[in-house]
């Protein structure tokens, strides 16, 4: 099989409204990671539209790394939250 690594970027803007602003974004990141980890079907049978070749993609999200950052925007009433999730998946080309 071929091991692929994909980068998933998440950007979210939030009004800086006290203690409730910061805890929301980690929940968003967790939700995206759970959707990747439990994606169905597993394995997924895919066909390349250009070549007609088929492959099986499996174990999406078995290994993930992430980084989260917070920055103020030009209008400092808003905060910009960014996350980079690096996701692996395997592909087996059907010959």
N, C-alpha and C. Protein backbone atom coordinates (compact mmCIF):
# COMPACT_ATOMS: atom_id res chain seq x y z
N UNK A 1 0.81 -1.20 0.00
CA UNK A 1 0.00 0.00 0.00
C UNK A 1 0.85 1.25 0.00
N UNK A 2 0.23 2.35 -0.32
CA UNK A 2 0.86 3.66 -0.32
C UNK A 2 0.36 4.46 0.89
N UNK A 3 1.27 5.01 1.66
CA UNK A 3 0.90 5.83 2.80
C UNK A 3 0.85 7.29 2.36
N UNK A 4 -0.30 7.91 2.49
CA UNK A 4 -0.48 9.32 2.13
C UNK A 4 -0.60 10.15 3.40
N UNK A 5 -0.16 11.40 3.32
CA UNK A 5 -0.37 12.35 4.41
C UNK A 5 -1.06 13.57 3.83
N UNK A 6 -2.20 13.92 4.41
CA UNK A 6 -2.98 15.07 3.97
C UNK A 6 -2.96 16.13 5.05
N UNK A 7 -2.98 17.38 4.63
CA UNK A 7 -3.10 18.49 5.56
C UNK A 7 -4.53 19.02 5.52
N UNK A 8 -5.14 19.14 6.67
CA UNK A 8 -6.49 19.69 6.80
C UNK A 8 -6.36 20.98 7.59
N UNK A 9 -6.82 22.09 7.00
CA UNK A 9 -6.74 23.40 7.64
C UNK A 9 -8.12 23.82 8.12
N UNK A 10 -8.19 24.35 9.32
CA UNK A 10 -9.44 24.88 9.87
C UNK A 10 -9.17 26.31 10.31
N UNK A 11 -10.02 27.23 9.88
CA UNK A 11 -9.94 28.63 10.31
C UNK A 11 -11.31 29.03 10.82
N UNK A 12 -11.34 29.70 11.96
CA UNK A 12 -12.59 30.11 12.59
C UNK A 12 -12.39 31.47 13.22
N UNK A 13 -13.35 32.35 13.04
CA UNK A 13 -13.31 33.68 13.65
C UNK A 13 -14.35 33.75 14.76
N UNK A 14 -13.97 34.38 15.87
CA UNK A 14 -14.88 34.48 17.00
C UNK A 14 -14.75 35.85 17.63
N UNK A 15 -15.89 36.39 18.03
CA UNK A 15 -15.86 37.63 18.80
C UNK A 15 -15.29 37.30 20.17
N UNK A 16 -14.39 38.10 20.64
CA UNK A 16 -13.76 37.86 21.94
C UNK A 16 -14.76 38.21 23.03
N UNK A 17 -15.53 37.21 23.44
CA UNK A 17 -16.60 37.44 24.41
C UNK A 17 -16.35 36.68 25.70
N UNK A 18 -15.27 36.99 26.35
CA UNK A 18 -15.02 36.43 27.67
C UNK A 18 -14.53 35.00 27.66
N UNK A 19 -14.81 34.31 28.76
CA UNK A 19 -14.27 32.96 28.96
C UNK A 19 -14.88 31.93 28.05
N UNK A 20 -16.03 32.18 27.45
CA UNK A 20 -16.68 31.19 26.61
C UNK A 20 -16.11 31.14 25.20
N UNK A 21 -15.29 32.12 24.80
CA UNK A 21 -14.78 32.17 23.43
C UNK A 21 -13.74 31.09 23.17
N UNK A 22 -12.76 30.96 24.02
CA UNK A 22 -11.65 30.03 23.77
C UNK A 22 -12.03 28.55 23.82
N UNK A 23 -12.88 28.09 24.72
CA UNK A 23 -13.14 26.64 24.78
C UNK A 23 -13.87 26.08 23.57
N UNK A 24 -14.48 26.89 22.73
CA UNK A 24 -15.26 26.39 21.61
C UNK A 24 -14.37 25.79 20.52
N UNK A 25 -13.26 26.44 20.19
CA UNK A 25 -12.45 26.00 19.07
C UNK A 25 -11.84 24.61 19.25
N UNK A 26 -11.31 24.24 20.40
CA UNK A 26 -10.81 22.87 20.55
C UNK A 26 -11.90 21.82 20.31
N UNK A 27 -13.14 22.14 20.64
CA UNK A 27 -14.24 21.23 20.35
C UNK A 27 -14.47 21.08 18.86
N UNK A 28 -14.29 22.16 18.11
CA UNK A 28 -14.41 22.10 16.66
C UNK A 28 -13.32 21.20 16.08
N UNK A 29 -12.09 21.37 16.56
CA UNK A 29 -10.97 20.54 16.09
C UNK A 29 -11.23 19.08 16.43
N UNK A 30 -11.69 18.80 17.64
CA UNK A 30 -12.00 17.42 18.04
C UNK A 30 -13.09 16.81 17.15
N UNK A 31 -14.09 17.59 16.79
CA UNK A 31 -15.18 17.10 15.94
C UNK A 31 -14.67 16.73 14.55
N UNK A 32 -13.81 17.56 13.98
CA UNK A 32 -13.24 17.26 12.66
C UNK A 32 -12.38 16.01 12.73
N UNK A 33 -11.57 15.88 13.78
CA UNK A 33 -10.72 14.70 13.93
C UNK A 33 -11.56 13.43 14.10
N UNK A 34 -12.65 13.51 14.83
CA UNK A 34 -13.52 12.35 15.00
C UNK A 34 -14.18 11.96 13.68
N UNK A 35 -14.58 12.96 12.89
CA UNK A 35 -15.19 12.67 11.58
C UNK A 35 -14.20 11.96 10.67
N UNK A 36 -12.94 12.37 10.72
CA UNK A 36 -11.92 11.71 9.90
C UNK A 36 -11.66 10.29 10.41
N UNK A 37 -11.55 10.15 11.71
CA UNK A 37 -11.19 8.86 12.31
C UNK A 37 -12.28 7.80 12.08
N UNK A 38 -13.55 8.21 12.13
CA UNK A 38 -14.65 7.26 12.02
C UNK A 38 -15.35 7.33 10.66
N UNK A 39 -14.65 7.81 9.63
CA UNK A 39 -15.26 7.93 8.31
C UNK A 39 -15.63 6.55 7.77
N UNK A 40 -16.74 6.50 7.09
CA UNK A 40 -17.24 5.24 6.52
C UNK A 40 -17.53 5.47 5.06
N UNK A 41 -17.41 4.51 4.19
CA UNK A 41 -17.00 3.15 4.48
C UNK A 41 -15.48 3.06 4.65
N UNK A 42 -15.05 2.05 5.34
CA UNK A 42 -13.62 1.82 5.56
C UNK A 42 -13.36 0.33 5.34
N UNK A 43 -12.78 -0.06 4.26
CA UNK A 43 -12.14 0.73 3.21
C UNK A 43 -13.17 1.29 2.22
N UNK A 44 -12.77 2.37 1.56
CA UNK A 44 -13.59 2.98 0.53
C UNK A 44 -13.00 2.59 -0.83
N UNK A 45 -13.85 2.12 -1.71
CA UNK A 45 -13.42 1.75 -3.06
C UNK A 45 -13.60 2.97 -3.96
N UNK A 46 -12.50 3.46 -4.54
CA UNK A 46 -12.53 4.68 -5.33
C UNK A 46 -12.05 4.41 -6.76
N UNK A 47 -12.56 5.20 -7.71
CA UNK A 47 -12.16 5.08 -9.11
C UNK A 47 -11.61 6.43 -9.57
N UNK A 48 -10.43 6.41 -10.15
CA UNK A 48 -9.83 7.63 -10.71
C UNK A 48 -10.60 7.98 -11.98
N UNK A 49 -11.22 9.18 -12.04
CA UNK A 49 -12.05 9.51 -13.21
C UNK A 49 -11.22 9.69 -14.49
N UNK A 50 -9.94 10.01 -14.35
CA UNK A 50 -9.12 10.23 -15.54
C UNK A 50 -8.61 8.92 -16.14
N UNK A 51 -8.25 7.96 -15.29
CA UNK A 51 -7.64 6.72 -15.78
C UNK A 51 -8.55 5.51 -15.69
N UNK A 52 -9.57 5.59 -14.84
CA UNK A 52 -10.45 4.45 -14.62
C UNK A 52 -9.88 3.41 -13.67
N UNK A 53 -8.66 3.64 -13.13
CA UNK A 53 -8.06 2.71 -12.18
C UNK A 53 -8.79 2.80 -10.85
N UNK A 54 -8.89 1.66 -10.18
CA UNK A 54 -9.56 1.63 -8.88
C UNK A 54 -8.54 1.39 -7.78
N UNK A 55 -8.88 1.89 -6.60
CA UNK A 55 -8.03 1.66 -5.43
C UNK A 55 -8.91 1.62 -4.19
N UNK A 56 -8.33 1.10 -3.14
CA UNK A 56 -9.00 1.05 -1.84
C UNK A 56 -8.28 2.00 -0.90
N UNK A 57 -9.02 2.89 -0.28
CA UNK A 57 -8.46 3.82 0.70
C UNK A 57 -8.97 3.38 2.06
N UNK A 58 -8.05 3.24 3.01
CA UNK A 58 -8.44 2.72 4.32
C UNK A 58 -7.60 3.33 5.43
N UNK A 59 -8.06 3.14 6.65
CA UNK A 59 -7.40 3.63 7.85
C UNK A 59 -7.15 5.14 7.83
N UNK A 60 -8.14 5.88 7.38
CA UNK A 60 -8.04 7.35 7.41
C UNK A 60 -8.05 7.79 8.87
N UNK A 61 -7.11 8.62 9.25
CA UNK A 61 -7.09 9.17 10.59
C UNK A 61 -6.53 8.27 11.66
N UNK A 62 -5.90 7.16 11.28
CA UNK A 62 -5.28 6.31 12.30
C UNK A 62 -4.15 7.05 13.01
N UNK A 63 -3.45 7.89 12.27
CA UNK A 63 -2.39 8.71 12.84
C UNK A 63 -2.68 10.17 12.50
N UNK A 64 -2.80 11.01 13.51
CA UNK A 64 -3.04 12.44 13.29
C UNK A 64 -2.17 13.26 14.23
N UNK A 65 -1.69 14.37 13.70
CA UNK A 65 -0.98 15.36 14.50
C UNK A 65 -1.69 16.69 14.25
N UNK A 66 -1.68 17.56 15.25
CA UNK A 66 -2.34 18.85 15.04
C UNK A 66 -1.61 19.97 15.77
N UNK A 67 -1.80 21.18 15.25
CA UNK A 67 -1.30 22.40 15.87
C UNK A 67 -2.43 23.43 15.83
N UNK A 68 -2.54 24.19 16.90
CA UNK A 68 -3.58 25.21 17.00
C UNK A 68 -2.93 26.55 17.30
N UNK A 69 -3.43 27.61 16.66
CA UNK A 69 -2.92 28.95 16.92
C UNK A 69 -4.05 29.95 17.05
N UNK A 70 -3.80 31.01 17.80
CA UNK A 70 -4.78 32.08 18.00
C UNK A 70 -4.10 33.40 17.72
N UNK A 71 -4.76 34.26 16.93
CA UNK A 71 -4.21 35.58 16.63
C UNK A 71 -5.33 36.61 16.69
N UNK A 72 -4.96 37.84 17.01
CA UNK A 72 -5.91 38.94 16.94
C UNK A 72 -5.95 39.42 15.48
N UNK A 73 -7.11 39.86 15.03
CA UNK A 73 -7.23 40.41 13.69
C UNK A 73 -6.99 41.92 13.75
N UNK A 74 -7.05 42.58 12.60
CA UNK A 74 -6.87 44.04 12.58
C UNK A 74 -7.92 44.71 13.47
N UNK A 75 -9.14 44.19 13.41
CA UNK A 75 -10.19 44.62 14.32
C UNK A 75 -10.07 43.73 15.56
N UNK A 76 -9.49 44.23 16.63
CA UNK A 76 -9.14 43.40 17.78
C UNK A 76 -10.34 42.91 18.57
N UNK A 77 -11.53 43.21 18.11
CA UNK A 77 -12.71 42.62 18.75
C UNK A 77 -12.89 41.17 18.31
N UNK A 78 -12.18 40.77 17.27
CA UNK A 78 -12.29 39.42 16.73
C UNK A 78 -10.98 38.67 16.92
N UNK A 79 -11.08 37.38 17.15
CA UNK A 79 -9.91 36.51 17.21
C UNK A 79 -9.98 35.53 16.06
N UNK A 80 -8.82 35.19 15.50
CA UNK A 80 -8.74 34.19 14.44
C UNK A 80 -8.10 32.94 15.02
N UNK A 81 -8.80 31.83 14.93
CA UNK A 81 -8.29 30.55 15.39
C UNK A 81 -7.93 29.71 14.17
N UNK A 82 -6.75 29.13 14.17
CA UNK A 82 -6.31 28.28 13.08
C UNK A 82 -5.86 26.94 13.63
N UNK A 83 -6.08 25.90 12.85
CA UNK A 83 -5.58 24.57 13.20
C UNK A 83 -5.10 23.89 11.93
N UNK A 84 -4.02 23.17 12.06
CA UNK A 84 -3.51 22.31 11.00
C UNK A 84 -3.54 20.88 11.54
N UNK A 85 -4.29 20.03 10.86
CA UNK A 85 -4.34 18.62 11.23
C UNK A 85 -3.65 17.84 10.11
N UNK A 86 -2.63 17.07 10.46
CA UNK A 86 -1.96 16.21 9.50
C UNK A 86 -2.51 14.81 9.66
N UNK A 87 -3.13 14.29 8.60
CA UNK A 87 -3.86 13.04 8.64
C UNK A 87 -3.20 12.04 7.70
N UNK A 88 -3.07 10.79 8.14
CA UNK A 88 -2.56 9.75 7.25
C UNK A 88 -3.69 8.85 6.79
N UNK A 89 -3.51 8.28 5.62
CA UNK A 89 -4.40 7.24 5.12
C UNK A 89 -3.61 6.33 4.20
N UNK A 90 -4.09 5.13 4.06
CA UNK A 90 -3.45 4.14 3.20
C UNK A 90 -4.26 3.96 1.94
N UNK A 91 -3.54 3.69 0.83
CA UNK A 91 -4.18 3.40 -0.44
C UNK A 91 -3.58 2.13 -1.03
N UNK A 92 -4.44 1.24 -1.43
CA UNK A 92 -4.01 0.02 -2.10
C UNK A 92 -4.58 0.06 -3.51
N UNK A 93 -3.69 0.10 -4.50
CA UNK A 93 -4.14 0.18 -5.90
C UNK A 93 -4.54 -1.21 -6.35
N UNK A 94 -5.74 -1.32 -6.89
CA UNK A 94 -6.25 -2.61 -7.35
C UNK A 94 -5.74 -2.86 -8.76
N UNK A 95 -4.97 -3.92 -8.93
CA UNK A 95 -4.40 -4.22 -10.26
C UNK A 95 -5.18 -5.32 -10.93
